[in-house]
C-alpha atoms as a PDB file:
ATOM      1  CA  UNK A   1      72.091  96.760  34.755  1.00  0.00           C
ATOM      2  CA  UNK A   2      74.353  93.897  36.292  1.00  0.00           C
ATOM      3  CA  UNK A   3      75.812  93.319  32.799  1.00  0.00           C
ATOM      4  CA  UNK A   4      76.523  96.891  32.487  1.00  0.00           C
ATOM      5  CA  UNK A   5      78.356  97.022  35.688  1.00  0.00           C
ATOM      6  CA  UNK A   6      80.207  93.525  35.090  1.00  0.00           C
ATOM      7  CA  UNK A   7      81.500  94.879  31.782  1.00  0.00           C
ATOM      8  CA  UNK A   8      82.491  98.182  33.301  1.00  0.00           C
ATOM      9  CA  UNK A   9      84.420  96.637  36.151  1.00  0.00           C
ATOM     10  CA  UNK A  10      86.207  94.209  33.953  1.00  0.00           C
ATOM     11  CA  UNK A  11      87.273  96.922  31.611  1.00  0.00           C
ATOM     12  CA  UNK A  12      88.058  99.293  34.497  1.00  0.00           C
ATOM     13  CA  UNK A  13      90.475  96.571  36.028  1.00  0.00           C
ATOM     14  CA  UNK A  14      92.044  95.620  32.827  1.00  0.00           C
ATOM     15  CA  UNK A  15      92.778  99.243  32.079  1.00  0.00           C
ATOM     16  CA  UNK A  16      94.194 100.009  35.439  1.00  0.00           C
ATOM     17  CA  UNK A  17      96.316  96.752  35.514  1.00  0.00           C
ATOM     18  CA  UNK A  18      97.817  97.284  31.974  1.00  0.00           C
ATOM     19  CA  UNK A  19      98.717 100.886  32.879  1.00  0.00           C
ATOM     20  CA  UNK A  20     100.353  99.891  36.295  1.00  0.00           C
ATOM     21  CA  UNK A  21     102.160  96.974  34.510  1.00  0.00           C
ATOM     22  CA  UNK A  22     103.480  98.982  31.532  1.00  0.00           C
ATOM     23  CA  UNK A  23     103.968 102.513  32.990  1.00  0.00           C
ATOM     24  CA  UNK A  24     105.449 101.442  36.362  1.00  0.00           C
ATOM     25  CA  UNK A  25     106.542  97.876  36.415  1.00  0.00           C
ATOM     26  CA  UNK A  26     108.097  97.980  33.035  1.00  0.00           C
ATOM     27  CA  UNK A  27     109.076 101.518  33.786  1.00  0.00           C
ATOM     28  CA  UNK A  28     107.820 103.013  30.639  1.00  0.00           C
ATOM     29  CA  UNK A  29     107.451 106.383  32.548  1.00  0.00           C
ATOM     30  CA  UNK A  30     111.336 106.481  32.587  1.00  0.00           C
ATOM     31  CA  UNK A  31     112.336 104.571  29.378  1.00  0.00           C
ATOM     32  CA  UNK A  32     109.544 106.453  27.302  1.00  0.00           C
ATOM     33  CA  UNK A  33     109.775 103.791  24.472  1.00  0.00           C
ATOM     34  CA  UNK A  34     109.768 100.033  24.350  1.00  0.00           C
ATOM     35  CA  UNK A  35     109.422  98.190  21.030  1.00  0.00           C
ATOM     36  CA  UNK A  36     107.377  95.129  21.586  1.00  0.00           C
ATOM     37  CA  UNK A  37     106.535  94.053  17.921  1.00  0.00           C
ATOM     38  CA  UNK A  38     107.881  96.879  15.780  1.00  0.00           C
ATOM     39  CA  UNK A  39     106.308  98.472  13.884  1.00  0.00           C
ATOM     40  CA  UNK A  40     103.020  96.888  14.708  1.00  0.00           C
ATOM     41  CA  UNK A  41     102.965  97.344  18.485  1.00  0.00           C
ATOM     42  CA  UNK A  42     105.182  99.558  20.504  1.00  0.00           C
ATOM     43  CA  UNK A  43     104.789 101.182  23.973  1.00  0.00           C
ATOM     44  CA  UNK A  44     105.372 104.988  23.752  1.00  0.00           C
ATOM     45  CA  UNK A  45     104.847 107.021  26.912  1.00  0.00           C
ATOM     46  CA  UNK A  46     102.380 109.852  26.456  1.00  0.00           C
ATOM     47  CA  UNK A  47     100.659 111.821  29.306  1.00  0.00           C
ATOM     48  CA  UNK A  48      97.533 113.172  27.786  1.00  0.00           C
ATOM     49  CA  UNK A  49      96.343 116.396  29.360  1.00  0.00           C
ATOM     50  CA  UNK A  50      93.654 116.956  26.989  1.00  0.00           C
ATOM     51  CA  UNK A  51      91.176 114.732  24.975  1.00  0.00           C
ATOM     52  CA  UNK A  52      91.776 112.569  22.040  1.00  0.00           C
ATOM     53  CA  UNK A  53      95.126 113.268  20.350  1.00  0.00           C
ATOM     54  CA  UNK A  54      95.834 116.030  23.051  1.00  0.00           C
ATOM     55  CA  UNK A  55      93.179 118.437  21.968  1.00  0.00           C
ATOM     56  CA  UNK A  56      92.363 120.987  24.546  1.00  0.00           C
ATOM     57  CA  UNK A  57      95.529 120.202  26.484  1.00  0.00           C
ATOM     58  CA  UNK A  58      96.187 124.089  27.427  1.00  0.00           C
ATOM     59  CA  UNK A  59      95.236 125.241  30.894  1.00  0.00           C
ATOM     60  CA  UNK A  60      96.065 121.815  32.365  1.00  0.00           C
ATOM     61  CA  UNK A  61      94.598 122.129  35.896  1.00  0.00           C
ATOM     62  CA  UNK A  62      91.350 123.815  34.748  1.00  0.00           C
ATOM     63  CA  UNK A  63      91.025 121.282  31.593  1.00  0.00           C
ATOM     64  CA  UNK A  64      91.718 118.446  34.134  1.00  0.00           C
ATOM     65  CA  UNK A  65      88.708 119.031  36.295  1.00  0.00           C
ATOM     66  CA  UNK A  66      86.488 120.051  33.387  1.00  0.00           C
ATOM     67  CA  UNK A  67      87.250 116.659  31.742  1.00  0.00           C
ATOM     68  CA  UNK A  68      86.720 114.817  34.867  1.00  0.00           C
ATOM     69  CA  UNK A  69      83.304 116.442  35.146  1.00  0.00           C
ATOM     70  CA  UNK A  70      82.472 115.787  31.582  1.00  0.00           C
ATOM     71  CA  UNK A  71      83.411 112.138  31.886  1.00  0.00           C
ATOM     72  CA  UNK A  72      81.297 111.768  34.979  1.00  0.00           C
ATOM     73  CA  UNK A  73      78.378 113.448  33.303  1.00  0.00           C
ATOM     74  CA  UNK A  74      78.608 111.120  30.329  1.00  0.00           C
ATOM     75  CA  UNK A  75      78.623 108.112  32.695  1.00  0.00           C
ATOM     76  CA  UNK A  76      75.406 109.298  34.623  1.00  0.00           C
ATOM     77  CA  UNK A  77      73.813 110.007  31.329  1.00  0.00           C
ATOM     78  CA  UNK A  78      74.519 106.540  29.834  1.00  0.00           C
ATOM     79  CA  UNK A  79      73.388 104.961  33.164  1.00  0.00           C
ATOM     80  CA  UNK A  80      70.032 106.911  33.064  1.00  0.00           C
ATOM     81  CA  UNK A  81      69.612 105.943  29.438  1.00  0.00           C
ATOM     82  CA  UNK A  82      70.258 102.252  30.124  1.00  0.00           C
ATOM     83  CA  UNK A  83      67.581 102.377  32.991  1.00  0.00           C
ATOM     84  CA  UNK A  84      64.970 104.304  30.957  1.00  0.00           C
ATOM     85  CA  UNK A  85      65.394 102.406  27.592  1.00  0.00           C
ATOM     86  CA  UNK A  86      67.467  99.316  28.086  1.00  0.00           C
ATOM     87  CA  UNK A  87      68.772  98.006  24.754  1.00  0.00           C
ATOM     88  CA  UNK A  88      69.555  94.434  24.115  1.00  0.00           C
ATOM     89  CA  UNK A  89      72.530  92.471  25.275  1.00  0.00           C
ATOM     90  CA  UNK A  90      74.929  94.141  22.954  1.00  0.00           C
ATOM     91  CA  UNK A  91      73.944  97.535  23.825  1.00  0.00           C
ATOM     92  CA  UNK A  92      74.280  96.853  27.555  1.00  0.00           C
ATOM     93  CA  UNK A  93      77.834  95.537  26.866  1.00  0.00           C
ATOM     94  CA  UNK A  94      78.596  98.658  24.870  1.00  0.00           C
ATOM     95  CA  UNK A  95      77.529 100.680  27.823  1.00  0.00           C
ATOM     96  CA  UNK A  96      79.733  98.921  30.067  1.00  0.00           C
ATOM     97  CA  UNK A  97      82.733  99.285  27.864  1.00  0.00           C
ATOM     98  CA  UNK A  98      81.994 103.014  27.643  1.00  0.00           C
ATOM     99  CA  UNK A  99      81.675 103.552  31.599  1.00  0.00           C
ATOM    100  CA  UNK A 100      84.539 101.234  32.471  1.00  0.00           C
ATOM    101  CA  UNK A 101      86.934 103.081  30.048  1.00  0.00           C
ATOM    102  CA  UNK A 102      85.597 106.501  31.129  1.00  0.00           C
ATOM    103  CA  UNK A 103      86.122 105.543  34.892  1.00  0.00           C
ATOM    104  CA  UNK A 104      89.653 104.337  33.944  1.00  0.00           C
ATOM    105  CA  UNK A 105      90.701 107.701  32.316  1.00  0.00           C
ATOM    106  CA  UNK A 106      89.000 109.533  35.332  1.00  0.00           C
ATOM    107  CA  UNK A 107      91.181 107.802  37.819  1.00  0.00           C
ATOM    108  CA  UNK A 108      94.177 108.624  35.712  1.00  0.00           C
ATOM    109  CA  UNK A 109      93.290 112.241  35.697  1.00  0.00           C
ATOM    110  CA  UNK A 110      92.721 112.316  39.425  1.00  0.00           C
ATOM    111  CA  UNK A 111      95.803 110.344  40.246  1.00  0.00           C
ATOM    112  CA  UNK A 112      98.376 111.757  37.719  1.00  0.00           C
ATOM    113  CA  UNK A 113      96.760 115.014  36.338  1.00  0.00           C
ATOM    114  CA  UNK A 114      96.689 113.278  32.973  1.00  0.00           C
ATOM    115  CA  UNK A 115      95.669 110.107  31.065  1.00  0.00           C
ATOM    116  CA  UNK A 116      98.702 107.665  30.675  1.00  0.00           C
ATOM    117  CA  UNK A 117      98.616 106.656  27.112  1.00  0.00           C
ATOM    118  CA  UNK A 118     100.986 103.962  25.727  1.00  0.00           C
ATOM    119  CA  UNK A 119      99.898 101.892  22.994  1.00  0.00           C
ATOM    120  CA  UNK A 120     101.246 102.706  19.734  1.00  0.00           C
ATOM    121  CA  UNK A 121     100.513 100.761  16.551  1.00  0.00           C
ATOM    122  CA  UNK A 122     101.718 101.367  12.953  1.00  0.00           C
ATOM    123  CA  UNK A 123     101.468  99.391   9.873  1.00  0.00           C
ATOM    124  CA  UNK A 124     102.161  99.297   6.087  1.00  0.00           C
ATOM    125  CA  UNK A 125     104.468 102.356   5.900  1.00  0.00           C
ATOM    126  CA  UNK A 126     102.163 104.410   8.121  1.00  0.00           C
ATOM    127  CA  UNK A 127     104.027 105.735  11.183  1.00  0.00           C
ATOM    128  CA  UNK A 128     101.275 106.493  13.671  1.00  0.00           C
ATOM    129  CA  UNK A 129     102.517 109.381  16.065  1.00  0.00           C
ATOM    130  CA  UNK A 130      99.702 108.819  18.570  1.00  0.00           C
ATOM    131  CA  UNK A 131      99.459 106.593  21.497  1.00  0.00           C
ATOM    132  CA  UNK A 132      96.180 105.312  23.467  1.00  0.00           C
ATOM    133  CA  UNK A 133      95.319 102.877  26.197  1.00  0.00           C
ATOM    134  CA  UNK A 134      92.787 100.169  26.883  1.00  0.00           C
ATOM    135  CA  UNK A 135      90.262 102.664  28.330  1.00  0.00           C
ATOM    136  CA  UNK A 136      90.358 104.571  24.884  1.00  0.00           C
ATOM    137  CA  UNK A 137      89.692 101.268  22.900  1.00  0.00           C
ATOM    138  CA  UNK A 138      86.766 100.447  25.247  1.00  0.00           C
ATOM    139  CA  UNK A 139      85.309 104.002  25.104  1.00  0.00           C
ATOM    140  CA  UNK A 140      85.491 104.064  21.239  1.00  0.00           C
ATOM    141  CA  UNK A 141      84.005 100.468  20.984  1.00  0.00           C
ATOM    142  CA  UNK A 142      81.277 101.236  23.571  1.00  0.00           C
ATOM    143  CA  UNK A 143      80.121 104.413  21.758  1.00  0.00           C
ATOM    144  CA  UNK A 144      80.199 102.784  18.440  1.00  0.00           C
ATOM    145  CA  UNK A 145      78.285  99.858  20.017  1.00  0.00           C
ATOM    146  CA  UNK A 146      75.535 102.243  21.564  1.00  0.00           C
ATOM    147  CA  UNK A 147      75.083 103.800  18.120  1.00  0.00           C
ATOM    148  CA  UNK A 148      74.767 100.356  16.524  1.00  0.00           C
ATOM    149  CA  UNK A 149      72.737  98.777  19.267  1.00  0.00           C
ATOM    150  CA  UNK A 150      70.471 101.487  20.892  1.00  0.00           C
ATOM    151  CA  UNK A 151      67.518 100.872  22.943  1.00  0.00           C
ATOM    152  CA  UNK A 152      64.056 100.474  21.352  1.00  0.00           C
ATOM    153  CA  UNK A 153      61.831 103.180  22.594  1.00  0.00           C
ATOM    154  CA  UNK A 154      58.342 102.019  23.095  1.00  0.00           C
ATOM    155  CA  UNK A 155      55.695 103.948  21.395  1.00  0.00           C
ATOM    156  CA  UNK A 156      53.242 105.808  23.785  1.00  0.00           C
END
């Protein structure tokens, strides 16, 4: 479990530091757009009140607390899963990625009422209208890793 918590801690800190740096220090919250390496990498301020791509963003205050509860429930579920049926190293790293990312987005919802998304990437004539953050990348990679590297339940 130490590996899970180490990876989760690294992801959580990296997520929060990038959000503080880009949103507040670089003042993306006011500027709204900063071209970094157009069109490949841009910072576009987006406050996500829902889940991915702004889904379920109506009823902001109620949705906020439901999403916080769901994220915490998923964290507890993954921790119990890792305890009962620990996977190999890659599975534990994946669990840490998912947990760290989820905690990063929970902190945003508590602090700001929404998740701070700012990374925007486009390529090859495709103009991506969506923004995401480090936590979103970690959650996606962690969930994919848990599917690819699940624990091996022992036969009884």
